[in-house]
Amino acid sequence: MAEQPATDGAARAWRERAAAGGAARAWLSRQSGEAGPHHAIVRNVNTPGAQALGDDGEEPGGAWGQAARRAGEGTGRRTDFVQSLDRGLAVIRCFSSEHPSLTLSEVAERTGLTRAAARRFLLTLQELGYVGSVGRQFSLRPRVLALGYAYLSSFSVAQIAQPHLEDLAEELHESCSVSVLDGDDLVYVARASANRIMTISLTVGTRLPPYPTSMGRVLLAYLPEAELDEHLSRTELRKLTDHTIVDPQELRAVLATVRFQGWAAVDQELEAGVRSIAVPIRDGSRKVVAAINSSAHAARVPMRTLEKEFLPRLVDCARQIDSELATRLSGGARSVM
């Protein structure tokens, strides 16, 4: 893909997506071919003679409908895919730490829904206790935490890794995290923070692009070749800093090296001033199911220190998690994924 200039706007766009969890909008944009991954979907305007609106207020021939039909081709979703559920979840995801409260118009704009459809989804979520309102402002209620807790409480890697992360962060005096791939995003599932070194607020549930991160590169490196090809064909490589690799062939070469050596180090590619190093976490069958990393400020920790001092401790920590994970699964626990 064409290299894009390093701008604060590009970095802010990724931060916006990471905070808002805007995977639905990005996915639909890619499927409909209407906009880049950081732009709202351009929906069709109702015109005389257009198709009747669906029961959720959107045109069957509009951007949502077209994207859902494309997604269903050859996947069984054509008849089974529930668009209303997809849109309702998009309404929940449009709120973020930067936008904790939104008006009806803002929700409609951020999700690509009509105002009428956005209003129905908001009122339904409010009735169910997931959304509250004060005047014209809507915001999420604590009940939404139950949606994520159900996953985290049954996800073996997150449960097993957390105490190990806390010990590692205390030993290294740096923040440590565990992440998995979810579609085209890197998602944090466990984290122990020593101090804040990034302008991006990283917490459990944070989503980032995989390609400029150490954990993302570990997980991409161990994908089957066909899956990696598909992922890269869908991914827009944006230059987030002066150091970000945006050439697909160069990235592939880096991923090949990561797979060969078994670890990945990234020097200020996601954010200027931040370095990180990561290794894989494997289940009982030796399949890579997650990645663990430690990050540090570039002015304080040289890359050589990451490789000579941090890497051995990360490898040891990952092996302990691997061992516990294999023991738990052999004892009849559910699959980690």
C-alpha atoms as a PDB file:
ATOM      1  CA  MET A   1       0.000   0.000   0.000  1.00  0.00           C
ATOM      2  CA  ALA A   2       1.074   3.570  -0.574  1.00  0.00           C
ATOM      3  CA  GLU A   3       3.073   5.069   2.240  1.00  0.00           C
ATOM      4  CA  GLN A   4       1.263   7.830   4.065  1.00  0.00           C
ATOM      5  CA  PRO A   5       2.956  10.843   5.685  1.00  0.00           C
ATOM      6  CA  ALA A   6       3.726  10.733   9.384  1.00  0.00           C
ATOM      7  CA  THR A   7       1.164  13.079  10.877  1.00  0.00           C
ATOM      8  CA  ASP A   8      -0.346  13.584  14.282  1.00  0.00           C
ATOM      9  CA  GLY A   9      -3.694  13.064  12.581  1.00  0.00           C
ATOM     10  CA  ALA A  10      -2.820   9.491  11.577  1.00  0.00           C
ATOM     11  CA  ALA A  11      -1.750   8.653  15.118  1.00  0.00           C
ATOM     12  CA  ARG A  12      -4.877  10.269  16.544  1.00  0.00           C
ATOM     13  CA  ALA A  13      -6.961   8.220  14.151  1.00  0.00           C
ATOM     14  CA  TRP A  14      -5.538   4.993  15.512  1.00  0.00           C
ATOM     15  CA  ARG A  15      -6.006   6.219  19.078  1.00  0.00           C
ATOM     16  CA  GLU A  16      -9.593   7.079  18.301  1.00  0.00           C
ATOM     17  CA  ARG A  17     -10.200   3.611  16.943  1.00  0.00           C
ATOM     18  CA  ALA A  18      -8.369   1.958  19.820  1.00  0.00           C
ATOM     19  CA  ALA A  19     -10.408   3.819  22.409  1.00  0.00           C
ATOM     20  CA  ALA A  20     -13.737   3.560  20.668  1.00  0.00           C
ATOM     21  CA  GLY A  21     -13.372  -0.063  19.658  1.00  0.00           C
ATOM     22  CA  GLY A  22     -14.434   0.961  16.151  1.00  0.00           C
ATOM     23  CA  ALA A  23     -13.800  -2.416  14.528  1.00  0.00           C
ATOM     24  CA  ALA A  24     -17.362  -2.618  13.241  1.00  0.00           C
ATOM     25  CA  ARG A  25     -17.127   0.656  11.328  1.00  0.00           C
ATOM     26  CA  ALA A  26     -13.685  -0.179   9.965  1.00  0.00           C
ATOM     27  CA  TRP A  27     -14.810  -3.649   8.862  1.00  0.00           C
ATOM     28  CA  LEU A  28     -17.911  -2.328   7.173  1.00  0.00           C
ATOM     29  CA  SER A  29     -15.923   0.388   5.448  1.00  0.00           C
ATOM     30  CA  ARG A  30     -13.527  -2.204   4.046  1.00  0.00           C
ATOM     31  CA  GLN A  31     -16.377  -4.441   2.906  1.00  0.00           C
ATOM     32  CA  SER A  32     -18.373  -1.646   1.256  1.00  0.00           C
ATOM     33  CA  GLY A  33     -15.308   0.086  -0.197  1.00  0.00           C
ATOM     34  CA  GLU A  34     -16.700   3.474   0.757  1.00  0.00           C
ATOM     35  CA  ALA A  35     -14.213   4.871   3.200  1.00  0.00           C
ATOM     36  CA  GLY A  36     -10.892   4.295   4.927  1.00  0.00           C
ATOM     37  CA  PRO A  37     -10.780   2.470   8.235  1.00  0.00           C
ATOM     38  CA  HIS A  38     -10.922   5.691  10.235  1.00  0.00           C
ATOM     39  CA  HIS A  39     -13.858   7.365   8.540  1.00  0.00           C
ATOM     40  CA  ALA A  40     -17.527   6.936   9.289  1.00  0.00           C
ATOM     41  CA  ILE A  41     -19.515   4.975   6.745  1.00  0.00           C
ATOM     42  CA  VAL A  42     -21.175   7.114   4.113  1.00  0.00           C
ATOM     43  CA  ARG A  43     -24.728   5.846   4.094  1.00  0.00           C
ATOM     44  CA  ASN A  44     -27.199   6.309   1.259  1.00  0.00           C
ATOM     45  CA  VAL A  45     -29.593   9.220   1.614  1.00  0.00           C
ATOM     46  CA  ASN A  46     -33.265   8.311   1.288  1.00  0.00           C
ATOM     47  CA  THR A  47     -34.575   9.448  -2.067  1.00  0.00           C
ATOM     48  CA  PRO A  48     -37.965   9.209  -3.776  1.00  0.00           C
ATOM     49  CA  GLY A  49     -38.414   5.750  -5.245  1.00  0.00           C
ATOM     50  CA  ALA A  50     -35.825   4.194  -2.947  1.00  0.00           C
ATOM     51  CA  GLN A  51     -36.460   0.891  -1.215  1.00  0.00           C
ATOM     52  CA  ALA A  52     -38.512   0.919   1.957  1.00  0.00           C
ATOM     53  CA  LEU A  53     -36.573   1.184   5.188  1.00  0.00           C
ATOM     54  CA  GLY A  54     -35.864  -1.952   7.142  1.00  0.00           C
ATOM     55  CA  ASP A  55     -37.398  -2.508  10.559  1.00  0.00           C
ATOM     56  CA  ASP A  56     -34.426  -0.799  12.196  1.00  0.00           C
ATOM     57  CA  GLY A  57     -34.682   2.340  10.071  1.00  0.00           C
ATOM     58  CA  GLU A  58     -31.970   1.657   7.496  1.00  0.00           C
ATOM     59  CA  GLU A  59     -32.270   1.159   3.758  1.00  0.00           C
ATOM     60  CA  PRO A  60     -31.778  -2.481   2.676  1.00  0.00           C
ATOM     61  CA  GLY A  61     -29.711  -1.157  -0.239  1.00  0.00           C
ATOM     62  CA  GLY A  62     -27.672   1.239   1.921  1.00  0.00           C
ATOM     63  CA  ALA A  63     -24.104   0.877   3.133  1.00  0.00           C
ATOM     64  CA  TRP A  64     -25.000  -1.362   6.066  1.00  0.00           C
ATOM     65  CA  GLY A  65     -27.137  -3.650   3.937  1.00  0.00           C
ATOM     66  CA  GLN A  66     -24.619  -3.890   1.099  1.00  0.00           C
ATOM     67  CA  ALA A  67     -21.754  -4.640   3.475  1.00  0.00           C
ATOM     68  CA  ALA A  68     -23.707  -7.300   5.339  1.00  0.00           C
ATOM     69  CA  ARG A  69     -24.695  -9.005   2.085  1.00  0.00           C
ATOM     70  CA  ARG A  70     -21.092  -8.994   0.880  1.00  0.00           C
ATOM     71  CA  ALA A  71     -19.990 -10.431   4.221  1.00  0.00           C
ATOM     72  CA  GLY A  72     -22.550 -13.179   3.874  1.00  0.00           C
ATOM     73  CA  GLU A  73     -21.447 -14.356   0.465  1.00  0.00           C
ATOM     74  CA  GLY A  74     -20.027 -17.831   0.845  1.00  0.00           C
ATOM     75  CA  THR A  75     -20.149 -17.696   4.661  1.00  0.00           C
ATOM     76  CA  GLY A  76     -23.741 -18.592   5.460  1.00  0.00           C
ATOM     77  CA  ARG A  77     -24.390 -15.090   6.806  1.00  0.00           C
ATOM     78  CA  ARG A  78     -26.656 -14.090   3.978  1.00  0.00           C
ATOM     79  CA  THR A  79     -29.701 -15.500   5.750  1.00  0.00           C
ATOM     80  CA  ASP A  80     -28.379 -15.900   9.304  1.00  0.00           C
ATOM     81  CA  PHE A  81     -26.537 -12.615   9.876  1.00  0.00           C
ATOM     82  CA  VAL A  82     -28.620 -10.386  12.196  1.00  0.00           C
ATOM     83  CA  GLN A  83     -27.981  -6.795  11.163  1.00  0.00           C
ATOM     84  CA  SER A  84     -29.961  -5.316  14.048  1.00  0.00           C
ATOM     85  CA  LEU A  85     -27.694  -7.029  16.589  1.00  0.00           C
ATOM     86  CA  ASP A  86     -24.635  -5.820  14.672  1.00  0.00           C
ATOM     87  CA  ARG A  87     -25.911  -2.239  14.769  1.00  0.00           C
ATOM     88  CA  GLY A  88     -26.897  -2.384  18.411  1.00  0.00           C
ATOM     89  CA  LEU A  89     -23.387  -3.503  19.340  1.00  0.00           C
ATOM     90  CA  ALA A  90     -21.952  -0.724  17.150  1.00  0.00           C
ATOM     91  CA  VAL A  91     -23.930   1.790  19.224  1.00  0.00           C
ATOM     92  CA  ILE A  92     -22.312   0.443  22.407  1.00  0.00           C
ATOM     93  CA  ARG A  93     -18.838   0.537  20.821  1.00  0.00           C
ATOM     94  CA  CYS A  94     -19.149   4.129  19.633  1.00  0.00           C
ATOM     95  CA  PHE A  95     -18.693   5.402  23.201  1.00  0.00           C
ATOM     96  CA  SER A  96     -15.085   5.766  24.394  1.00  0.00           C
ATOM     97  CA  SER A  97     -12.862   7.346  27.022  1.00  0.00           C
ATOM     98  CA  GLU A  98     -12.561  10.383  24.738  1.00  0.00           C
ATOM     99  CA  HIS A  99     -16.327  10.414  24.122  1.00  0.00           C
ATOM    100  CA  PRO A 100     -17.982   9.043  27.280  1.00  0.00           C
ATOM    101  CA  SER A 101     -21.233  10.863  26.528  1.00  0.00           C
ATOM    102  CA  LEU A 102     -22.787  11.521  23.125  1.00  0.00           C
ATOM    103  CA  THR A 103     -25.899  13.127  21.722  1.00  0.00           C
ATOM    104  CA  LEU A 104     -28.288  11.270  19.454  1.00  0.00           C
ATOM    105  CA  SER A 105     -26.829  13.042  16.417  1.00  0.00           C
ATOM    106  CA  GLU A 106     -23.284  12.130  17.429  1.00  0.00           C
ATOM    107  CA  VAL A 107     -24.211   8.464  17.896  1.00  0.00           C
ATOM    108  CA  ALA A 108     -25.841   8.444  14.458  1.00  0.00           C
ATOM    109  CA  GLU A 109     -22.761  10.046  12.886  1.00  0.00           C
ATOM    110  CA  ARG A 110     -20.270   7.723  14.590  1.00  0.00           C
ATOM    111  CA  THR A 111     -22.184   4.547  13.696  1.00  0.00           C
ATOM    112  CA  GLY A 112     -23.468   5.449  10.226  1.00  0.00           C
ATOM    113  CA  LEU A 113     -27.077   4.936  11.330  1.00  0.00           C
ATOM    114  CA  THR A 114     -30.003   7.245  10.652  1.00  0.00           C
ATOM    115  CA  ARG A 115     -31.116   9.379  13.598  1.00  0.00           C
ATOM    116  CA  ALA A 116     -34.338   7.373  13.792  1.00  0.00           C
ATOM    117  CA  ALA A 117     -32.501   4.047  13.982  1.00  0.00           C
ATOM    118  CA  ALA A 118     -29.917   5.370  16.450  1.00  0.00           C
ATOM    119  CA  ARG A 119     -32.733   6.659  18.671  1.00  0.00           C
ATOM    120  CA  ARG A 120     -34.444   3.252  18.737  1.00  0.00           C
ATOM    121  CA  PHE A 121     -31.234   1.442  19.602  1.00  0.00           C
ATOM    122  CA  LEU A 122     -30.363   3.948  22.348  1.00  0.00           C
ATOM    123  CA  LEU A 123     -33.820   3.745  23.920  1.00  0.00           C
ATOM    124  CA  THR A 124     -33.742  -0.060  23.773  1.00  0.00           C
ATOM    125  CA  LEU A 125     -30.308  -0.158  25.420  1.00  0.00           C
ATOM    126  CA  GLN A 126     -31.529   2.339  28.000  1.00  0.00           C
ATOM    127  CA  GLU A 127     -34.536   0.146  28.783  1.00  0.00           C
ATOM    128  CA  LEU A 128     -32.185  -2.835  29.238  1.00  0.00           C
ATOM    129  CA  GLY A 129     -29.907  -0.854  31.568  1.00  0.00           C
ATOM    130  CA  TYR A 130     -26.847  -0.611  29.310  1.00  0.00           C
ATOM    131  CA  VAL A 131     -27.238   3.101  28.509  1.00  0.00           C
ATOM    132  CA  GLY A 132     -28.288   6.091  30.614  1.00  0.00           C
ATOM    133  CA  SER A 133     -29.118   9.662  29.691  1.00  0.00           C
ATOM    134  CA  VAL A 134     -28.973  13.118  31.215  1.00  0.00           C
ATOM    135  CA  GLY A 135     -30.753  15.704  29.106  1.00  0.00           C
ATOM    136  CA  ARG A 136     -29.604  15.206  25.502  1.00  0.00           C
ATOM    137  CA  GLN A 137     -26.472  13.261  26.482  1.00  0.00           C
ATOM    138  CA  PHE A 138     -26.327   9.452  26.438  1.00  0.00           C
ATOM    139  CA  SER A 139     -23.638   7.397  28.184  1.00  0.00           C
ATOM    140  CA  LEU A 140     -22.892   3.775  29.031  1.00  0.00           C
ATOM    141  CA  ARG A 141     -23.983   2.302  32.361  1.00  0.00           C
ATOM    142  CA  PRO A 142     -21.942  -0.104  34.526  1.00  0.00           C
ATOM    143  CA  ARG A 143     -24.064  -3.019  33.299  1.00  0.00           C
ATOM    144  CA  VAL A 144     -22.043  -3.153  30.055  1.00  0.00           C
ATOM    145  CA  LEU A 145     -19.117  -4.483  32.108  1.00  0.00           C
ATOM    146  CA  ALA A 146     -20.979  -7.779  32.417  1.00  0.00           C
ATOM    147  CA  LEU A 147     -20.576  -8.312  28.665  1.00  0.00           C
ATOM    148  CA  GLY A 148     -16.782  -8.286  28.881  1.00  0.00           C
ATOM    149  CA  TYR A 149     -16.558  -9.994  32.265  1.00  0.00           C
ATOM    150  CA  ALA A 150     -18.254 -13.117  30.945  1.00  0.00           C
ATOM    151  CA  TYR A 151     -15.399 -13.502  28.460  1.00  0.00           C
ATOM    152  CA  LEU A 152     -12.556 -12.591  30.804  1.00  0.00           C
ATOM    153  CA  SER A 153     -13.822 -14.812  33.622  1.00  0.00           C
ATOM    154  CA  SER A 154     -13.783 -17.843  31.312  1.00  0.00           C
ATOM    155  CA  PHE A 155     -10.664 -16.993  29.312  1.00  0.00           C
ATOM    156  CA  SER A 156      -7.851 -19.162  30.658  1.00  0.00           C
ATOM    157  CA  VAL A 157      -4.938 -17.079  29.367  1.00  0.00           C
ATOM    158  CA  ALA A 158      -6.188 -13.861  30.989  1.00  0.00           C
ATOM    159  CA  GLN A 159      -6.806 -15.596  34.315  1.00  0.00           C
ATOM    160  CA  ILE A 160      -3.500 -17.435  34.379  1.00  0.00           C
ATOM    161  CA  ALA A 161      -1.376 -14.558  33.073  1.00  0.00           C
ATOM    162  CA  GLN A 162      -2.490 -11.787  35.437  1.00  0.00           C
ATOM    163  CA  PRO A 163      -0.505 -12.796  38.545  1.00  0.00           C
ATOM    164  CA  HIS A 164       2.549 -13.555  36.403  1.00  0.00           C
ATOM    165  CA  LEU A 165       2.244 -10.129  34.748  1.00  0.00           C
ATOM    166  CA  GLU A 166       2.122  -8.417  38.111  1.00  0.00           C
ATOM    167  CA  ASP A 167       5.263 -10.222  39.268  1.00  0.00           C
ATOM    168  CA  LEU A 168       7.054  -9.425  36.002  1.00  0.00           C
ATOM    169  CA  ALA A 169       6.075  -5.740  36.092  1.00  0.00           C
ATOM    170  CA  GLU A 170       7.358  -5.474  39.645  1.00  0.00           C
ATOM    171  CA  GLU A 171      10.619  -7.154  38.680  1.00  0.00           C
ATOM    172  CA  LEU A 172      11.223  -5.058  35.560  1.00  0.00           C
ATOM    173  CA  HIS A 173       9.632  -1.864  36.904  1.00  0.00           C
ATOM    174  CA  GLU A 174       7.864  -1.559  33.556  1.00  0.00           C
ATOM    175  CA  SER A 175       4.338  -2.229  32.302  1.00  0.00           C
ATOM    176  CA  CYS A 176       3.567  -5.721  30.996  1.00  0.00           C
ATOM    177  CA  SER A 177       0.594  -6.953  28.965  1.00  0.00           C
ATOM    178  CA  VAL A 178      -0.998  -9.973  27.290  1.00  0.00           C
ATOM    179  CA  SER A 179      -2.935  -9.640  24.039  1.00  0.00           C
ATOM    180  CA  VAL A 180      -4.742 -11.763  21.470  1.00  0.00           C
ATOM    181  CA  LEU A 181      -5.856 -11.196  17.900  1.00  0.00           C
ATOM    182  CA  ASP A 182      -9.545 -10.463  17.411  1.00  0.00           C
ATOM    183  CA  GLY A 183     -10.256 -10.186  13.708  1.00  0.00           C
ATOM    184  CA  ASP A 184      -7.834  -7.562  12.429  1.00  0.00           C
ATOM    185  CA  ASP A 185      -7.240  -5.976  15.836  1.00  0.00           C
ATOM    186  CA  LEU A 186      -4.848  -6.617  18.702  1.00  0.00           C
ATOM    187  CA  VAL A 187      -6.864  -6.741  21.953  1.00  0.00           C
ATOM    188  CA  TYR A 188      -5.421  -6.428  25.466  1.00  0.00           C
ATOM    189  CA  VAL A 189      -6.808  -9.154  27.766  1.00  0.00           C
ATOM    190  CA  ALA A 190      -4.522  -8.712  30.786  1.00  0.00           C
ATOM    191  CA  ARG A 191      -2.219  -5.923  31.957  1.00  0.00           C
ATOM    192  CA  ALA A 192      -0.028  -4.870  34.876  1.00  0.00           C
ATOM    193  CA  SER A 193       0.974  -1.194  34.793  1.00  0.00           C
ATOM    194  CA  ALA A 194       4.153   0.054  36.414  1.00  0.00           C
ATOM    195  CA  ASN A 195       3.763   3.609  35.157  1.00  0.00           C
ATOM    196  CA  ARG A 196       2.192   5.408  32.226  1.00  0.00           C
ATOM    197  CA  ILE A 197       4.598   6.073  29.369  1.00  0.00           C
ATOM    198  CA  MET A 198       2.171   6.336  26.449  1.00  0.00           C
ATOM    199  CA  THR A 199      -0.362   8.977  25.494  1.00  0.00           C
ATOM    200  CA  ILE A 200      -2.654   6.087  24.483  1.00  0.00           C
ATOM    201  CA  SER A 201      -4.529   4.811  27.514  1.00  0.00           C
ATOM    202  CA  LEU A 202      -3.889   1.055  27.541  1.00  0.00           C
ATOM    203  CA  THR A 203      -6.316  -1.071  29.553  1.00  0.00           C
ATOM    204  CA  VAL A 204      -7.936  -4.477  29.256  1.00  0.00           C
ATOM    205  CA  GLY A 205     -10.105  -4.270  26.150  1.00  0.00           C
ATOM    206  CA  THR A 206      -7.944  -1.716  24.332  1.00  0.00           C
ATOM    207  CA  ARG A 207      -7.662  -2.385  20.592  1.00  0.00           C
ATOM    208  CA  LEU A 208      -4.612  -1.485  18.523  1.00  0.00           C
ATOM    209  CA  PRO A 209      -3.415  -2.241  14.989  1.00  0.00           C
ATOM    210  CA  PRO A 210      -1.152  -5.310  15.171  1.00  0.00           C
ATOM    211  CA  TYR A 211       1.500  -4.331  12.615  1.00  0.00           C
ATOM    212  CA  PRO A 212       3.357  -1.592  14.590  1.00  0.00           C
ATOM    213  CA  THR A 213       3.287  -3.446  17.945  1.00  0.00           C
ATOM    214  CA  SER A 214       5.558  -6.138  19.355  1.00  0.00           C
ATOM    215  CA  MET A 215       2.693  -8.409  20.474  1.00  0.00           C
ATOM    216  CA  GLY A 216       0.884  -7.889  17.187  1.00  0.00           C
ATOM    217  CA  ARG A 217       3.948  -8.926  15.210  1.00  0.00           C
ATOM    218  CA  VAL A 218       4.378 -12.067  17.294  1.00  0.00           C
ATOM    219  CA  LEU A 219       0.769 -13.063  16.652  1.00  0.00           C
ATOM    220  CA  LEU A 220       0.915 -12.185  12.948  1.00  0.00           C
ATOM    221  CA  ALA A 221       4.190 -14.080  12.522  1.00  0.00           C
ATOM    222  CA  TYR A 222       2.597 -17.334  13.660  1.00  0.00           C
ATOM    223  CA  LEU A 223      -0.522 -17.078  11.510  1.00  0.00           C
ATOM    224  CA  PRO A 224      -0.878 -19.605   8.676  1.00  0.00           C
ATOM    225  CA  GLU A 225       0.398 -18.080   5.430  1.00  0.00           C
ATOM    226  CA  ALA A 226      -3.063 -17.810   3.878  1.00  0.00           C
ATOM    227  CA  GLU A 227      -4.468 -16.024   6.951  1.00  0.00           C
ATOM    228  CA  LEU A 228      -1.539 -13.604   7.010  1.00  0.00           C
ATOM    229  CA  ASP A 229      -2.057 -12.839   3.313  1.00  0.00           C
ATOM    230  CA  GLU A 230      -5.732 -12.104   3.926  1.00  0.00           C
ATOM    231  CA  HIS A 231      -4.967  -9.938   6.943  1.00  0.00           C
ATOM    232  CA  LEU A 232      -2.390  -7.840   5.116  1.00  0.00           C
ATOM    233  CA  SER A 233      -4.676  -7.447   2.094  1.00  0.00           C
ATOM    234  CA  ARG A 234      -7.284  -5.872   4.399  1.00  0.00           C
ATOM    235  CA  THR A 235      -4.883  -3.727   6.410  1.00  0.00           C
ATOM    236  CA  GLU A 236      -3.974  -0.144   5.601  1.00  0.00           C
ATOM    237  CA  LEU A 237      -0.416   0.357   6.819  1.00  0.00           C
ATOM    238  CA  ARG A 238      -0.370   3.886   8.194  1.00  0.00           C
ATOM    239  CA  LYS A 239       2.811   5.685   9.149  1.00  0.00           C
ATOM    240  CA  LEU A 240       2.088   6.474  12.801  1.00  0.00           C
ATOM    241  CA  THR A 241       5.629   7.706  13.551  1.00  0.00           C
ATOM    242  CA  ASP A 242       8.802   8.295  11.577  1.00  0.00           C
ATOM    243  CA  HIS A 243       9.824   4.713  12.443  1.00  0.00           C
ATOM    244  CA  THR A 244       6.662   2.849  11.433  1.00  0.00           C
ATOM    245  CA  ILE A 245       7.152   0.171   8.784  1.00  0.00           C
ATOM    246  CA  VAL A 246       4.516   0.653   6.078  1.00  0.00           C
ATOM    247  CA  ASP A 247       6.005  -1.335   3.194  1.00  0.00           C
ATOM    248  CA  PRO A 248       4.201  -4.702   3.009  1.00  0.00           C
ATOM    249  CA  GLN A 249       7.268  -6.601   1.802  1.00  0.00           C
ATOM    250  CA  GLU A 250       9.467  -5.137   4.519  1.00  0.00           C
ATOM    251  CA  LEU A 251       6.827  -6.042   7.110  1.00  0.00           C
ATOM    252  CA  ARG A 252       6.674  -9.602   5.791  1.00  0.00           C
ATOM    253  CA  ALA A 253      10.453  -9.875   6.124  1.00  0.00           C
ATOM    254  CA  VAL A 254      10.256  -8.632   9.714  1.00  0.00           C
ATOM    255  CA  LEU A 255       7.525 -11.165  10.508  1.00  0.00           C
ATOM    256  CA  ALA A 256       9.629 -13.969   9.040  1.00  0.00           C
ATOM    257  CA  THR A 257      12.486 -12.955  11.345  1.00  0.00           C
ATOM    258  CA  VAL A 258      10.119 -12.850  14.322  1.00  0.00           C
ATOM    259  CA  ARG A 259       8.909 -16.383  13.600  1.00  0.00           C
ATOM    260  CA  PHE A 260      12.491 -17.629  13.205  1.00  0.00           C
ATOM    261  CA  GLN A 261      13.867 -16.070  16.405  1.00  0.00           C
ATOM    262  CA  GLY A 262      10.706 -16.437  18.501  1.00  0.00           C
ATOM    263  CA  TRP A 263      10.324 -12.839  19.670  1.00  0.00           C
ATOM    264  CA  ALA A 264       9.624  -9.322  18.378  1.00  0.00           C
ATOM    265  CA  ALA A 265      10.992  -5.940  19.394  1.00  0.00           C
ATOM    266  CA  VAL A 266       9.532  -2.639  18.221  1.00  0.00           C
ATOM    267  CA  ASP A 267      11.322   0.694  18.499  1.00  0.00           C
ATOM    268  CA  GLN A 268       8.951   3.690  18.494  1.00  0.00           C
ATOM    269  CA  GLU A 269       6.717   2.472  15.674  1.00  0.00           C
ATOM    270  CA  LEU A 270       3.370   2.812  17.459  1.00  0.00           C
ATOM    271  CA  GLU A 271       4.267   5.920  19.409  1.00  0.00           C
ATOM    272  CA  ALA A 272       7.404   8.034  19.550  1.00  0.00           C
ATOM    273  CA  GLY A 273       9.441   7.414  22.689  1.00  0.00           C
ATOM    274  CA  VAL A 274       8.050   3.926  23.402  1.00  0.00           C
ATOM    275  CA  ARG A 275       9.869   0.622  22.882  1.00  0.00           C
ATOM    276  CA  SER A 276       8.554  -2.864  23.542  1.00  0.00           C
ATOM    277  CA  ILE A 277       9.501  -6.514  23.262  1.00  0.00           C
ATOM    278  CA  ALA A 278       7.192  -9.547  23.112  1.00  0.00           C
ATOM    279  CA  VAL A 279       7.186 -13.347  23.014  1.00  0.00           C
ATOM    280  CA  PRO A 280       4.439 -15.880  22.229  1.00  0.00           C
ATOM    281  CA  ILE A 281       2.216 -17.761  24.678  1.00  0.00           C
ATOM    282  CA  ARG A 282       1.318 -21.311  23.614  1.00  0.00           C
ATOM    283  CA  ASP A 283      -1.359 -23.775  24.632  1.00  0.00           C
ATOM    284  CA  GLY A 284      -0.874 -27.480  25.341  1.00  0.00           C
ATOM    285  CA  SER A 285      -0.690 -28.279  21.623  1.00  0.00           C
ATOM    286  CA  ARG A 286       2.080 -25.635  21.207  1.00  0.00           C
ATOM    287  CA  LYS A 287      -0.231 -23.406  19.196  1.00  0.00           C
ATOM    288  CA  VAL A 288       0.398 -19.670  19.701  1.00  0.00           C
ATOM    289  CA  VAL A 289      -2.746 -18.309  21.348  1.00  0.00           C
ATOM    290  CA  ALA A 290      -1.531 -14.986  22.800  1.00  0.00           C
ATOM    291  CA  ALA A 291       1.524 -12.793  23.259  1.00  0.00           C
ATOM    292  CA  ILE A 292       3.130 -11.173  26.285  1.00  0.00           C
ATOM    293  CA  ASN A 293       5.225  -8.000  26.231  1.00  0.00           C
ATOM    294  CA  SER A 294       6.932  -5.350  28.274  1.00  0.00           C
ATOM    295  CA  SER A 295       7.227  -1.729  27.200  1.00  0.00           C
ATOM    296  CA  ALA A 296       9.597   1.011  28.264  1.00  0.00           C
ATOM    297  CA  HIS A 297      10.479   4.608  27.497  1.00  0.00           C
ATOM    298  CA  ALA A 298      13.122   4.952  24.797  1.00  0.00           C
ATOM    299  CA  ALA A 299      15.028   7.611  26.738  1.00  0.00           C
ATOM    300  CA  ARG A 300      15.405   5.275  29.699  1.00  0.00           C
ATOM    301  CA  VAL A 301      15.816   1.784  28.246  1.00  0.00           C
ATOM    302  CA  PRO A 302      18.040   1.061  25.196  1.00  0.00           C
ATOM    303  CA  MET A 303      17.013  -1.639  22.718  1.00  0.00           C
ATOM    304  CA  ARG A 304      20.017  -3.690  23.825  1.00  0.00           C
ATOM    305  CA  THR A 305      18.643  -3.732  27.377  1.00  0.00           C
ATOM    306  CA  LEU A 306      15.290  -4.971  26.104  1.00  0.00           C
ATOM    307  CA  GLU A 307      16.992  -7.856  24.333  1.00  0.00           C
ATOM    308  CA  LYS A 308      19.585  -8.749  26.968  1.00  0.00           C
ATOM    309  CA  GLU A 309      17.633  -8.193  30.192  1.00  0.00           C
ATOM    310  CA  PHE A 310      13.912  -8.043  29.435  1.00  0.00           C
ATOM    311  CA  LEU A 311      13.735 -10.871  26.865  1.00  0.00           C
ATOM    312  CA  PRO A 312      14.996 -13.704  29.139  1.00  0.00           C
ATOM    313  CA  ARG A 313      12.497 -12.716  31.832  1.00  0.00           C
ATOM    314  CA  LEU A 314       9.669 -12.548  29.300  1.00  0.00           C
ATOM    315  CA  VAL A 315      10.557 -15.983  27.946  1.00  0.00           C
ATOM    316  CA  ASP A 316      10.599 -17.433  31.462  1.00  0.00           C
ATOM    317  CA  CYS A 317       7.256 -15.798  32.288  1.00  0.00           C
ATOM    318  CA  ALA A 318       5.690 -17.087  29.069  1.00  0.00           C
ATOM    319  CA  ARG A 319       6.898 -20.627  29.819  1.00  0.00           C
ATOM    320  CA  GLN A 320       5.245 -20.514  33.240  1.00  0.00           C
ATOM    321  CA  ILE A 321       1.981 -19.378  31.655  1.00  0.00           C
ATOM    322  CA  ASP A 322       2.320 -22.057  28.945  1.00  0.00           C
ATOM    323  CA  SER A 323       2.774 -24.739  31.588  1.00  0.00           C
ATOM    324  CA  GLU A 324      -0.220 -23.643  33.658  1.00  0.00           C
ATOM    325  CA  LEU A 325      -2.333 -23.267  30.555  1.00  0.00           C
ATOM    326  CA  ALA A 326      -1.492 -26.776  29.365  1.00  0.00           C
ATOM    327  CA  THR A 327      -2.238 -28.200  32.818  1.00  0.00           C
ATOM    328  CA  ARG A 328      -5.600 -26.475  33.000  1.00  0.00           C
ATOM    329  CA  LEU A 329      -6.650 -27.580  29.523  1.00  0.00           C
ATOM    330  CA  SER A 330      -5.518 -31.158  30.148  1.00  0.00           C
ATOM    331  CA  GLY A 331      -7.720 -31.098  33.225  1.00  0.00           C
ATOM    332  CA  GLY A 332     -10.800 -30.463  31.119  1.00  0.00           C
ATOM    333  CA  ALA A 333     -10.968 -26.666  30.960  1.00  0.00           C
ATOM    334  CA  ARG A 334     -12.485 -25.041  27.894  1.00  0.00           C
ATOM    335  CA  SER A 335     -10.354 -24.016  24.910  1.00  0.00           C
ATOM    336  CA  VAL A 336      -8.501 -20.757  25.445  1.00  0.00           C
ATOM    337  CA  MET A 337      -9.912 -19.357  22.229  1.00  0.00           C
END
